[in-house]
């Protein structure tokens, strides 16, 4: 059991005298207490005045109490090597290893039969996941099974291990690969849907698990992520526009295709699980997204607002007029994951999609006043009409000169929505620019072409 993969210093201790055997086979007695070890493997035997470097590997054996590493006690012996760093491997038999594993992988308050089943499964799993060609067999964490040393042991777990001593799960005479989990969500998965490239295995297939409803994690979520967060965590190419899902028959996600503004990228379901901190690859993507409009809408006209609503029920378009609050506007029907609405707002308005507790990002549809302009019959003024009624709005009368617009007069919109500016109207191109404020976009009239009389 690999306890310390590499450290500058470790402390090995015992409450009673213990021993150490060096690489040359010589055994030294050690007093009760602590032994601090660095990469040179120097320690102080009981009959020595000073510390001395011993030949690796060192094997520490317990006296009448268990040995400890960094304050945590472990059954069996400890094999220590040095060099660039200190490495500690816990050496113990399989059954005593299970004393600590079973209560860490299953609550020891569960029925004895459940603990016994866990003991058989954990024993089988350990034997099929030994690290070949290395100086240790197993990891003390989820890379193998969670191992907590003496502190993790409990009488019910010990009894379960003892009652099943030596028992393993076999398939065609070989120890079976007994993967286990906290919660299946209601159905297990085919092995090739969890580890891509794995060959099909007759006993590692998707089957119903009706008892999983007892798990507090049978259902989990929903989890909300903003588009920018998803783009960053999943490394989408540009701004995230859409997501396509490829799922197995068991519901587990094999892969996601991220559609970004700069191209597509496909990531595995397990990579998504890790990146987003999900409980499993059994998830669905509910996506709400409105496409920001490319330009403002002219007062009195319509604009089509489109978006994506995939994997969510009962989509509603919500609006927030300038200076107002959010309110539902209309239900939208998703067609192949797409939604759209034709809108004719009277003022600049924010929009978003909602589905239950989920909301899309907000897009703003700016409204520009409708502006008309014309010249007087005697060509001494330019006047026009602005809709909607925005009394006091600033008006700039402009003339096109050398490819750019130059303001030649300023006025304001009157109480009846009209404006007038006294100018000498010579041949050329004119327009009115209205800055209404109050959330309106800048309004521009159509260019007025004046020719010689």
Protein backbone atom coordinates (compact mmCIF):
# COMPACT_ATOMS: atom_id res chain seq x y z
CA UNK A 1 0.00 0.00 0.00
CA UNK A 2 1.64 3.23 -1.14
CA UNK A 3 1.27 5.61 1.82
CA UNK A 4 3.86 8.26 0.94
CA UNK A 5 4.85 8.51 -2.75
CA UNK A 6 7.63 10.99 -2.00
CA UNK A 7 8.36 13.47 0.77
CA UNK A 8 11.36 15.42 2.10
CA UNK A 9 10.73 14.05 5.56
CA UNK A 10 8.48 11.51 7.26
CA UNK A 11 7.91 10.63 10.90
CA UNK A 12 7.51 6.96 11.85
CA UNK A 13 6.48 6.30 15.41
CA UNK A 14 5.28 3.67 17.86
CA UNK A 15 3.98 3.81 21.38
CA UNK A 16 6.11 0.76 22.24
CA UNK A 17 9.65 -0.36 21.18
CA UNK A 18 9.89 -1.57 17.58
CA UNK A 19 12.56 -2.72 15.11
CA UNK A 20 13.97 -1.89 11.69
CA UNK A 21 15.82 -4.14 9.24
CA UNK A 22 18.10 -2.51 6.67
CA UNK A 23 18.88 -3.56 3.12
CA UNK A 24 21.83 -5.66 4.29
CA UNK A 25 19.53 -7.75 6.49
CA UNK A 26 20.72 -6.31 9.83
CA UNK A 27 18.05 -5.61 12.44
CA UNK A 28 18.16 -2.69 14.87
CA UNK A 29 16.06 -2.11 17.96
CA UNK A 30 14.29 1.22 18.18
CA UNK A 31 12.90 2.87 21.33
CA UNK A 32 9.26 3.88 21.67
CA UNK A 33 8.61 7.29 20.18
CA UNK A 34 9.36 9.03 16.89
CA UNK A 35 11.97 8.49 14.19
CA UNK A 36 12.36 11.32 11.69
CA UNK A 37 13.62 10.19 8.30
CA UNK A 38 14.92 12.18 5.37
CA UNK A 39 16.12 10.94 1.95
CA UNK A 40 19.45 9.77 3.46
CA UNK A 41 17.56 7.37 5.79
CA UNK A 42 19.39 8.37 8.95
CA UNK A 43 17.92 7.25 12.28
CA UNK A 44 18.98 6.54 15.84
CA UNK A 45 18.86 2.89 17.03
CA UNK A 46 18.20 2.19 20.72
CA UNK A 47 21.84 1.32 21.51
CA UNK A 48 23.44 4.15 19.49
CA UNK A 49 24.52 7.61 20.64
CA UNK A 50 24.15 9.25 17.25
CA UNK A 51 22.05 8.88 14.13
CA UNK A 52 23.39 6.71 11.35
CA UNK A 53 22.50 6.24 7.70
CA UNK A 54 21.18 2.76 6.92
CA UNK A 55 21.13 0.93 3.63
CA UNK A 56 17.78 0.91 1.84
CA UNK A 57 15.21 -0.46 1.88
CA UNK A 58 14.34 -0.15 5.54
CA UNK A 59 11.58 -2.38 6.89
CA UNK A 60 10.01 -1.19 10.15
CA UNK A 61 8.22 -3.90 12.15
CA UNK A 62 5.83 -3.18 15.03
CA UNK A 63 6.28 -4.18 18.64
CA UNK A 64 3.13 -4.66 20.66
CA UNK A 65 1.36 -1.67 19.08
CA UNK A 66 0.81 -0.60 15.49
CA UNK A 67 3.27 1.65 13.69
CA UNK A 68 2.26 5.16 12.69
CA UNK A 69 3.19 7.44 9.81
CA UNK A 70 2.62 11.10 10.49
CA UNK A 71 0.37 10.25 13.43
CA UNK A 72 -1.89 7.72 11.63
CA UNK A 73 -1.52 4.07 12.67
CA UNK A 74 -1.32 1.14 10.26
CA UNK A 75 -1.31 -2.62 10.58
CA UNK A 76 1.65 -4.61 9.29
CA UNK A 77 5.12 -3.28 8.52
CA UNK A 78 6.45 -0.21 6.72
CA UNK A 79 8.97 -0.39 3.87
CA UNK A 80 10.90 2.86 3.40
CA UNK A 81 13.23 3.90 0.58
CA UNK A 82 15.21 7.10 0.12
CA UNK A 83 17.17 8.83 -2.61
CA UNK A 84 15.71 12.13 -3.77
CA UNK A 85 12.76 11.77 -1.38
CA UNK A 86 11.33 9.41 1.21
CA UNK A 87 8.85 6.79 0.02
CA UNK A 88 6.72 4.68 2.40
CA UNK A 89 4.88 1.46 1.54
CA UNK A 90 2.61 -0.29 4.05
CA UNK A 91 3.06 -4.08 3.86
CA UNK A 92 0.17 -6.15 5.25
CA UNK A 93 -2.00 -9.11 4.33
CA UNK A 94 -5.21 -8.77 2.32
CA UNK A 95 -7.63 -9.53 5.16
CA UNK A 96 -6.25 -6.88 7.51
CA UNK A 97 -6.20 -4.44 4.60
CA UNK A 98 -9.96 -5.06 4.20
CA UNK A 99 -10.58 -4.25 7.88
CA UNK A 100 -9.89 -0.62 6.96
CA UNK A 101 -11.32 -0.60 3.44
CA UNK A 102 -14.82 -2.01 4.06
CA UNK A 103 -15.94 0.69 6.56
CA UNK A 104 -14.48 3.42 4.34
CA UNK A 105 -16.36 2.20 1.27
CA UNK A 106 -19.65 1.43 3.06
CA UNK A 107 -21.17 2.80 6.29
CA UNK A 108 -20.52 0.21 8.98
CA UNK A 109 -24.01 0.78 10.41
CA UNK A 110 -25.49 -1.00 7.40
CA UNK A 111 -26.78 -4.60 7.74
CA UNK A 112 -24.23 -7.37 8.22
CA UNK A 113 -25.19 -8.94 4.89
CA UNK A 114 -24.39 -5.71 3.06
CA UNK A 115 -21.01 -5.44 4.78
CA UNK A 116 -20.23 -9.04 3.90
CA UNK A 117 -21.10 -8.39 0.25
CA UNK A 118 -18.85 -5.34 0.30
CA UNK A 119 -16.02 -7.41 1.81
CA UNK A 120 -16.26 -9.98 -1.00
CA UNK A 121 -16.42 -7.27 -3.67
CA UNK A 122 -13.52 -5.29 -2.16
CA UNK A 123 -11.39 -8.43 -1.89
CA UNK A 124 -12.06 -9.32 -5.52
CA UNK A 125 -11.44 -5.74 -6.65
CA UNK A 126 -8.10 -5.58 -4.85
CA UNK A 127 -6.87 -8.82 -6.47
CA UNK A 128 -7.81 -7.64 -9.97
CA UNK A 129 -6.25 -4.19 -9.60
CA UNK A 130 -2.75 -4.93 -8.32
CA UNK A 131 -0.12 -2.55 -9.67
CA UNK A 132 2.12 -4.73 -11.81
CA UNK A 133 5.85 -4.04 -12.03
CA UNK A 134 5.87 -1.54 -9.15
CA UNK A 135 7.11 -1.65 -5.57
CA UNK A 136 3.55 -1.53 -4.19
CA UNK A 137 0.27 -3.24 -5.00
CA UNK A 138 -2.43 -0.69 -4.32
CA UNK A 139 -3.13 3.00 -3.74
CA UNK A 140 -4.80 4.12 -0.48
CA UNK A 141 -7.44 6.22 -2.28
CA UNK A 142 -10.04 5.99 -5.03
CA UNK A 143 -7.39 5.03 -7.57
CA UNK A 144 -7.72 1.64 -5.87
CA UNK A 145 -9.93 1.63 -2.75
CA UNK A 146 -10.12 4.04 0.17
CA UNK A 147 -7.83 2.80 2.95
CA UNK A 148 -7.76 4.57 6.31
CA UNK A 149 -5.50 2.49 8.55
CA UNK A 150 -6.34 1.46 12.11
CA UNK A 151 -8.55 4.51 12.78
CA UNK A 152 -10.96 3.42 10.04
CA UNK A 153 -11.51 -0.08 11.40
CA UNK A 154 -14.72 -1.07 13.15
CA UNK A 155 -16.02 -4.28 14.78
CA UNK A 156 -18.89 -4.78 12.25
CA UNK A 157 -16.47 -4.44 9.33
CA UNK A 158 -13.95 -6.82 10.90
CA UNK A 159 -16.69 -9.36 11.49
CA UNK A 160 -17.86 -9.07 7.86
CA UNK A 161 -14.31 -9.64 6.60
CA UNK A 162 -13.90 -12.61 8.92
CA UNK A 163 -17.22 -14.18 7.91
CA UNK A 164 -16.21 -14.03 4.23
CA UNK A 165 -12.48 -14.78 4.64
CA UNK A 166 -10.94 -15.79 1.32
CA UNK A 167 -14.19 -15.46 -0.64
CA UNK A 168 -14.07 -13.75 -4.05
CA UNK A 169 -16.36 -13.35 -7.07
CA UNK A 170 -15.43 -15.69 -9.93
CA UNK A 171 -16.35 -15.70 -13.61
CA UNK A 172 -15.33 -18.76 -15.63
CA UNK A 173 -12.79 -19.67 -12.96
CA UNK A 174 -11.12 -16.22 -12.81
CA UNK A 175 -11.53 -13.50 -10.19
CA UNK A 176 -14.09 -11.05 -11.55
CA UNK A 177 -13.45 -7.34 -12.00
CA UNK A 178 -15.94 -6.15 -9.38
CA UNK A 179 -16.39 -2.44 -9.97
CA UNK A 180 -18.64 -0.84 -7.36
CA UNK A 181 -20.12 2.59 -6.81
CA UNK A 182 -22.05 4.77 -4.40
CA UNK A 183 -25.11 5.22 -6.60
CA UNK A 184 -26.10 3.93 -10.04
CA UNK A 185 -28.87 6.45 -10.56
CA UNK A 186 -31.23 3.54 -11.22
CA UNK A 187 -29.28 1.69 -13.92
CA UNK A 188 -25.73 0.41 -14.25
CA UNK A 189 -23.61 1.02 -17.35
CA UNK A 190 -21.87 -1.14 -19.91
CA UNK A 191 -18.14 -1.21 -19.21
CA UNK A 192 -17.32 0.13 -22.69
CA UNK A 193 -19.54 3.14 -22.02
CA UNK A 194 -17.49 4.03 -18.94
CA UNK A 195 -13.99 3.22 -20.19
CA UNK A 196 -13.86 3.75 -23.93
CA UNK A 197 -11.97 1.07 -25.77
CA UNK A 198 -12.70 -1.58 -23.14
CA UNK A 199 -13.85 -4.90 -24.62
CA UNK A 200 -17.42 -5.94 -23.78
CA UNK A 201 -17.57 -8.05 -20.63
CA UNK A 202 -20.55 -10.38 -20.10
CA UNK A 203 -21.01 -9.50 -16.43
CA UNK A 204 -20.31 -5.74 -16.80
CA UNK A 205 -23.46 -4.80 -18.66
CA UNK A 206 -26.22 -2.27 -18.12
CA UNK A 207 -29.01 -3.59 -15.89
CA UNK A 208 -31.81 -1.93 -13.88
CA UNK A 209 -31.06 -1.05 -10.26
CA UNK A 210 -34.48 -0.39 -8.67
CA UNK A 211 -33.10 -0.20 -5.14
CA UNK A 212 -30.98 2.85 -5.93
CA UNK A 213 -33.90 5.10 -4.99
CA UNK A 214 -32.73 4.70 -1.38
CA UNK A 215 -29.54 6.61 -2.20
CA UNK A 216 -29.49 10.35 -1.38
CA UNK A 217 -27.67 10.78 -4.70
CA UNK A 218 -30.18 8.85 -6.83
CA UNK A 219 -31.13 12.22 -8.32
CA UNK A 220 -28.80 15.20 -8.29
CA UNK A 221 -28.77 18.63 -9.82
CA UNK A 222 -29.73 20.73 -11.55
CA UNK A 223 -26.44 22.58 -11.72
CA UNK A 224 -26.33 25.96 -13.45
CA UNK A 225 -23.41 27.17 -15.52
CA UNK A 226 -23.13 30.41 -17.45
CA UNK A 227 -21.99 30.13 -21.04
CA UNK A 228 -18.68 31.82 -20.31
CA UNK A 229 -17.92 29.41 -17.46
CA UNK A 230 -18.70 26.39 -19.66
CA UNK A 231 -16.55 27.78 -22.46
CA UNK A 232 -13.61 28.16 -20.10
CA UNK A 233 -13.95 24.86 -18.23
CA UNK A 234 -14.60 22.76 -21.34
CA UNK A 235 -12.17 24.75 -23.50
CA UNK A 236 -14.67 25.58 -26.23
CA UNK A 237 -13.37 27.22 -29.36
CA UNK A 238 -14.57 30.76 -28.94
CA UNK A 239 -17.93 31.71 -27.43
CA UNK A 240 -20.14 28.70 -26.76
CA UNK A 241 -23.11 28.68 -29.14
CA UNK A 242 -24.50 25.18 -28.84
CA UNK A 243 -23.86 21.70 -27.35
CA UNK A 244 -24.62 18.32 -28.93
CA UNK A 245 -24.72 15.19 -26.75
CA UNK A 246 -23.91 11.57 -27.62
CA UNK A 247 -25.30 9.26 -24.92
CA UNK A 248 -25.21 5.49 -24.45
CA UNK A 249 -28.33 3.36 -24.01
CA UNK A 250 -27.86 3.53 -20.23
CA UNK A 251 -28.12 7.33 -20.38
CA UNK A 252 -24.44 7.97 -19.67
CA UNK A 253 -22.90 10.64 -21.86
CA UNK A 254 -20.19 9.32 -24.16
CA UNK A 255 -19.19 12.71 -25.50
CA UNK A 256 -20.18 16.33 -25.95
CA UNK A 257 -19.61 18.35 -29.10
CA UNK A 258 -19.11 22.00 -28.21
CA UNK A 259 -20.12 24.35 -31.00
CA UNK A 260 -18.15 27.56 -30.58
CA UNK A 261 -17.87 30.77 -32.54
CA UNK A 262 -14.43 29.58 -33.76
CA UNK A 263 -15.24 25.94 -34.45
CA UNK A 264 -16.25 22.69 -32.82
CA UNK A 265 -14.57 20.56 -30.15
CA UNK A 266 -15.55 17.11 -28.88
CA UNK A 267 -14.81 16.04 -25.30
CA UNK A 268 -15.56 12.77 -23.52
CA UNK A 269 -18.31 12.48 -20.94
CA UNK A 270 -15.78 11.56 -18.25
CA UNK A 271 -13.73 14.67 -19.04
CA UNK A 272 -16.88 16.79 -18.72
CA UNK A 273 -17.66 15.13 -15.39
CA UNK A 274 -14.22 15.98 -14.04
CA UNK A 275 -14.16 19.53 -15.40
CA UNK A 276 -17.60 20.43 -14.01
CA UNK A 277 -17.44 18.41 -10.78
CA UNK A 278 -20.44 16.24 -11.67
CA UNK A 279 -21.39 13.08 -9.74
CA UNK A 280 -21.46 10.88 -12.84
CA UNK A 281 -21.65 10.91 -16.61
CA UNK A 282 -25.39 10.28 -16.40
CA UNK A 283 -26.55 13.79 -17.06
CA UNK A 284 -28.52 15.73 -19.61
CA UNK A 285 -27.73 19.14 -21.00
CA UNK A 286 -30.46 21.70 -20.70
CA UNK A 287 -29.42 24.70 -22.73
CA UNK A 288 -31.03 28.13 -22.92
CA UNK A 289 -29.45 30.71 -25.13
CA UNK A 290 -30.67 33.82 -26.93
CA UNK A 291 -28.70 35.19 -29.86
CA UNK A 292 -27.95 38.90 -29.35
CA UNK A 293 -29.49 41.08 -32.10
CA UNK A 294 -27.08 42.53 -34.63
CA UNK A 295 -28.67 45.99 -34.58
CA UNK A 296 -31.40 48.09 -33.00
CA UNK A 297 -35.02 47.79 -34.09
CA UNK A 298 -36.74 50.82 -35.54
CA UNK A 299 -39.78 51.98 -33.58
CA UNK A 300 -42.94 50.59 -35.12
CA UNK A 301 -41.19 47.72 -36.92
CA UNK A 302 -40.61 44.09 -36.00
CA UNK A 303 -37.52 42.00 -35.32
CA UNK A 304 -37.11 38.22 -35.02
CA UNK A 305 -35.24 37.08 -31.89
CA UNK A 306 -33.91 33.51 -32.07
CA UNK A 307 -32.27 31.16 -29.61
CA UNK A 308 -31.69 27.62 -28.39
CA UNK A 309 -33.87 25.76 -25.88
CA UNK A 310 -32.73 22.15 -25.68
CA UNK A 311 -33.36 19.58 -22.96
CA UNK A 312 -35.66 21.84 -20.92
CA UNK A 313 -39.47 21.85 -20.60
CA UNK A 314 -41.94 24.71 -20.95
CA UNK A 315 -39.79 27.50 -22.29
CA UNK A 316 -41.00 31.03 -21.63
CA UNK A 317 -39.74 34.28 -23.08
CA UNK A 318 -39.45 36.93 -20.37
CA UNK A 319 -39.07 40.66 -20.92
CA UNK A 320 -37.91 43.62 -18.90
CA UNK A 321 -38.77 46.99 -20.48
CA UNK A 322 -36.33 49.82 -19.83
CA UNK A 323 -36.82 50.95 -16.23
CA UNK A 324 -39.23 48.09 -15.44
CA UNK A 325 -39.14 44.58 -13.96
CA UNK A 326 -39.12 41.06 -15.39
CA UNK A 327 -42.41 39.56 -16.49
CA UNK A 328 -43.38 36.53 -18.63
CA UNK A 329 -44.09 37.58 -22.19
CA UNK A 330 -45.05 34.41 -24.07
CA UNK A 331 -44.51 30.63 -24.06
CA UNK A 332 -42.25 29.42 -26.86
CA UNK A 333 -42.35 26.10 -28.67
CA UNK A 334 -39.01 24.43 -29.29
CA UNK A 335 -38.52 22.95 -32.75
CA UNK A 336 -35.44 20.72 -32.90
CA UNK A 337 -33.99 22.70 -30.03
CA UNK A 338 -34.61 26.08 -31.66
CA UNK A 339 -36.98 28.83 -30.53
CA UNK A 340 -37.88 32.19 -32.04
CA UNK A 341 -40.20 35.11 -31.44
CA UNK A 342 -41.17 38.10 -33.56
CA UNK A 343 -41.11 41.23 -31.43
CA UNK A 344 -42.13 44.86 -31.81
CA UNK A 345 -41.01 46.59 -28.61
CA UNK A 346 -41.94 50.19 -27.99
CA UNK A 347 -38.92 50.90 -25.79
CA UNK A 348 -35.51 49.30 -25.36
CA UNK A 349 -36.19 45.94 -23.68
CA UNK A 350 -34.18 43.10 -22.15
CA UNK A 351 -35.15 39.52 -22.96
CA UNK A 352 -34.27 36.11 -21.55
CA UNK A 353 -35.52 32.53 -21.73
CA UNK A 354 -36.73 30.70 -18.63
CA UNK A 355 -37.47 27.05 -17.93
CA UNK A 356 -38.31 26.25 -14.33
CA UNK A 357 -35.53 27.69 -12.18
CA UNK A 358 -33.14 28.07 -15.11
CA UNK A 359 -32.60 31.35 -16.93
CA UNK A 360 -30.63 32.14 -20.05
CA UNK A 361 -28.30 35.07 -20.40
CA UNK A 362 -29.91 38.44 -21.03
CA UNK A 363 -29.95 40.11 -24.43
CA UNK A 364 -30.97 43.71 -24.98
CA UNK A 365 -33.07 44.75 -27.94
CA UNK A 366 -32.54 48.46 -28.40
CA UNK A 367 -35.29 50.56 -29.96
CA UNK A 368 -34.36 53.52 -32.13
CA UNK A 369 -36.89 56.32 -32.68
CA UNK A 370 -38.44 56.56 -36.13
CA UNK A 371 -37.27 59.87 -37.61
CA UNK A 372 -38.53 61.64 -40.71
CA UNK A 373 -37.06 64.81 -42.28
CA UNK A 374 -38.03 67.20 -45.09
CA UNK A 375 -37.20 70.66 -46.43
CA UNK A 376 -39.56 73.61 -46.40
CA UNK A 377 -40.92 74.83 -49.73
CA UNK A 378 -38.79 77.98 -49.60
CA UNK A 379 -35.74 75.97 -48.49
CA UNK A 380 -35.16 77.98 -45.35
CA UNK A 381 -35.63 75.17 -42.85
CA UNK A 382 -35.50 71.42 -42.28
CA UNK A 383 -38.22 69.84 -40.15
CA UNK A 384 -39.46 66.39 -39.24
CA UNK A 385 -41.42 64.06 -36.99
CA UNK A 386 -40.13 61.68 -34.30
CA UNK A 387 -41.96 58.57 -33.05
CA UNK A 388 -42.58 57.71 -30.29
CA UNK A 389 -43.25 61.00 -28.59
CA UNK A 390 -40.00 62.07 -26.87
CA UNK A 391 -40.41 65.79 -26.07
CA UNK A 392 -37.13 67.57 -25.42
CA UNK A 393 -34.99 64.98 -27.21
CA UNK A 394 -31.89 66.50 -28.81
CA UNK A 395 -31.89 66.73 -32.60
CA UNK A 396 -28.81 67.24 -34.74
CA UNK A 397 -29.40 68.29 -38.33
CA UNK A 398 -26.46 67.02 -40.36
CA UNK A 399 -25.10 67.47 -43.88
CA UNK A 400 -22.89 65.02 -45.74
CA UNK A 401 -19.61 66.62 -46.76
CA UNK A 402 -16.53 64.85 -48.11
CA UNK A 403 -17.81 61.46 -46.97
CA UNK A 404 -18.67 62.36 -43.37
CA UNK A 405 -21.65 63.86 -41.57
CA UNK A 406 -21.30 67.34 -40.13
CA UNK A 407 -23.81 68.92 -37.73
CA UNK A 408 -25.10 72.19 -39.17
CA UNK A 409 -27.93 72.91 -36.73
CA UNK A 410 -29.29 71.77 -33.39
CA UNK A 411 -32.82 71.77 -32.06
CA UNK A 412 -35.16 69.70 -29.88
CA UNK A 413 -38.31 67.65 -30.30
CA UNK A 414 -41.46 69.60 -29.45
CA UNK A 415 -44.43 68.44 -27.37
CA UNK A 416 -46.20 67.22 -30.51
CA UNK A 417 -43.20 65.14 -31.68
CA UNK A 418 -42.03 67.55 -34.38
CA UNK A 419 -38.78 69.48 -34.75
CA UNK A 420 -37.61 72.30 -37.00
CA UNK A 421 -34.25 73.94 -37.67
CA UNK A 422 -33.66 77.18 -39.55
CA UNK A 423 -31.00 76.49 -42.19
CA UNK A 424 -30.35 77.54 -45.75
CA UNK A 425 -31.00 74.35 -47.67
CA UNK A 426 -28.61 74.12 -50.60
CA UNK A 427 -28.26 71.09 -52.87
CA UNK A 428 -26.79 68.16 -50.98
CA UNK A 429 -27.60 65.28 -48.62
CA UNK A 430 -29.11 65.84 -45.17
CA UNK A 431 -30.28 63.78 -42.22
CA UNK A 432 -31.58 64.18 -38.67
CA UNK A 433 -29.91 62.46 -35.72
CA UNK A 434 -32.07 62.14 -32.58
CA UNK A 435 -30.63 61.36 -29.15
CA UNK A 436 -33.68 60.56 -27.06
CA UNK A 437 -32.07 58.97 -23.99
CA UNK A 438 -34.33 56.95 -21.67
CA UNK A 439 -32.92 53.71 -23.07
CA UNK A 440 -33.55 54.53 -26.71
CA UNK A 441 -30.86 53.96 -29.30
CA UNK A 442 -29.82 56.89 -31.48
CA UNK A 443 -32.44 57.49 -34.18
CA UNK A 444 -31.42 58.40 -37.73
CA UNK A 445 -33.64 59.58 -40.52
CA UNK A 446 -33.30 58.31 -44.05
CA UNK A 447 -30.91 60.60 -45.97
CA UNK A 448 -32.70 63.51 -47.68
CA UNK A 449 -31.33 64.32 -51.14
CA UNK A 450 -31.81 67.99 -52.14
CA UNK A 451 -31.21 68.93 -55.77
CA UNK A 452 -31.11 72.26 -57.60
CA UNK A 453 -34.52 73.83 -58.15
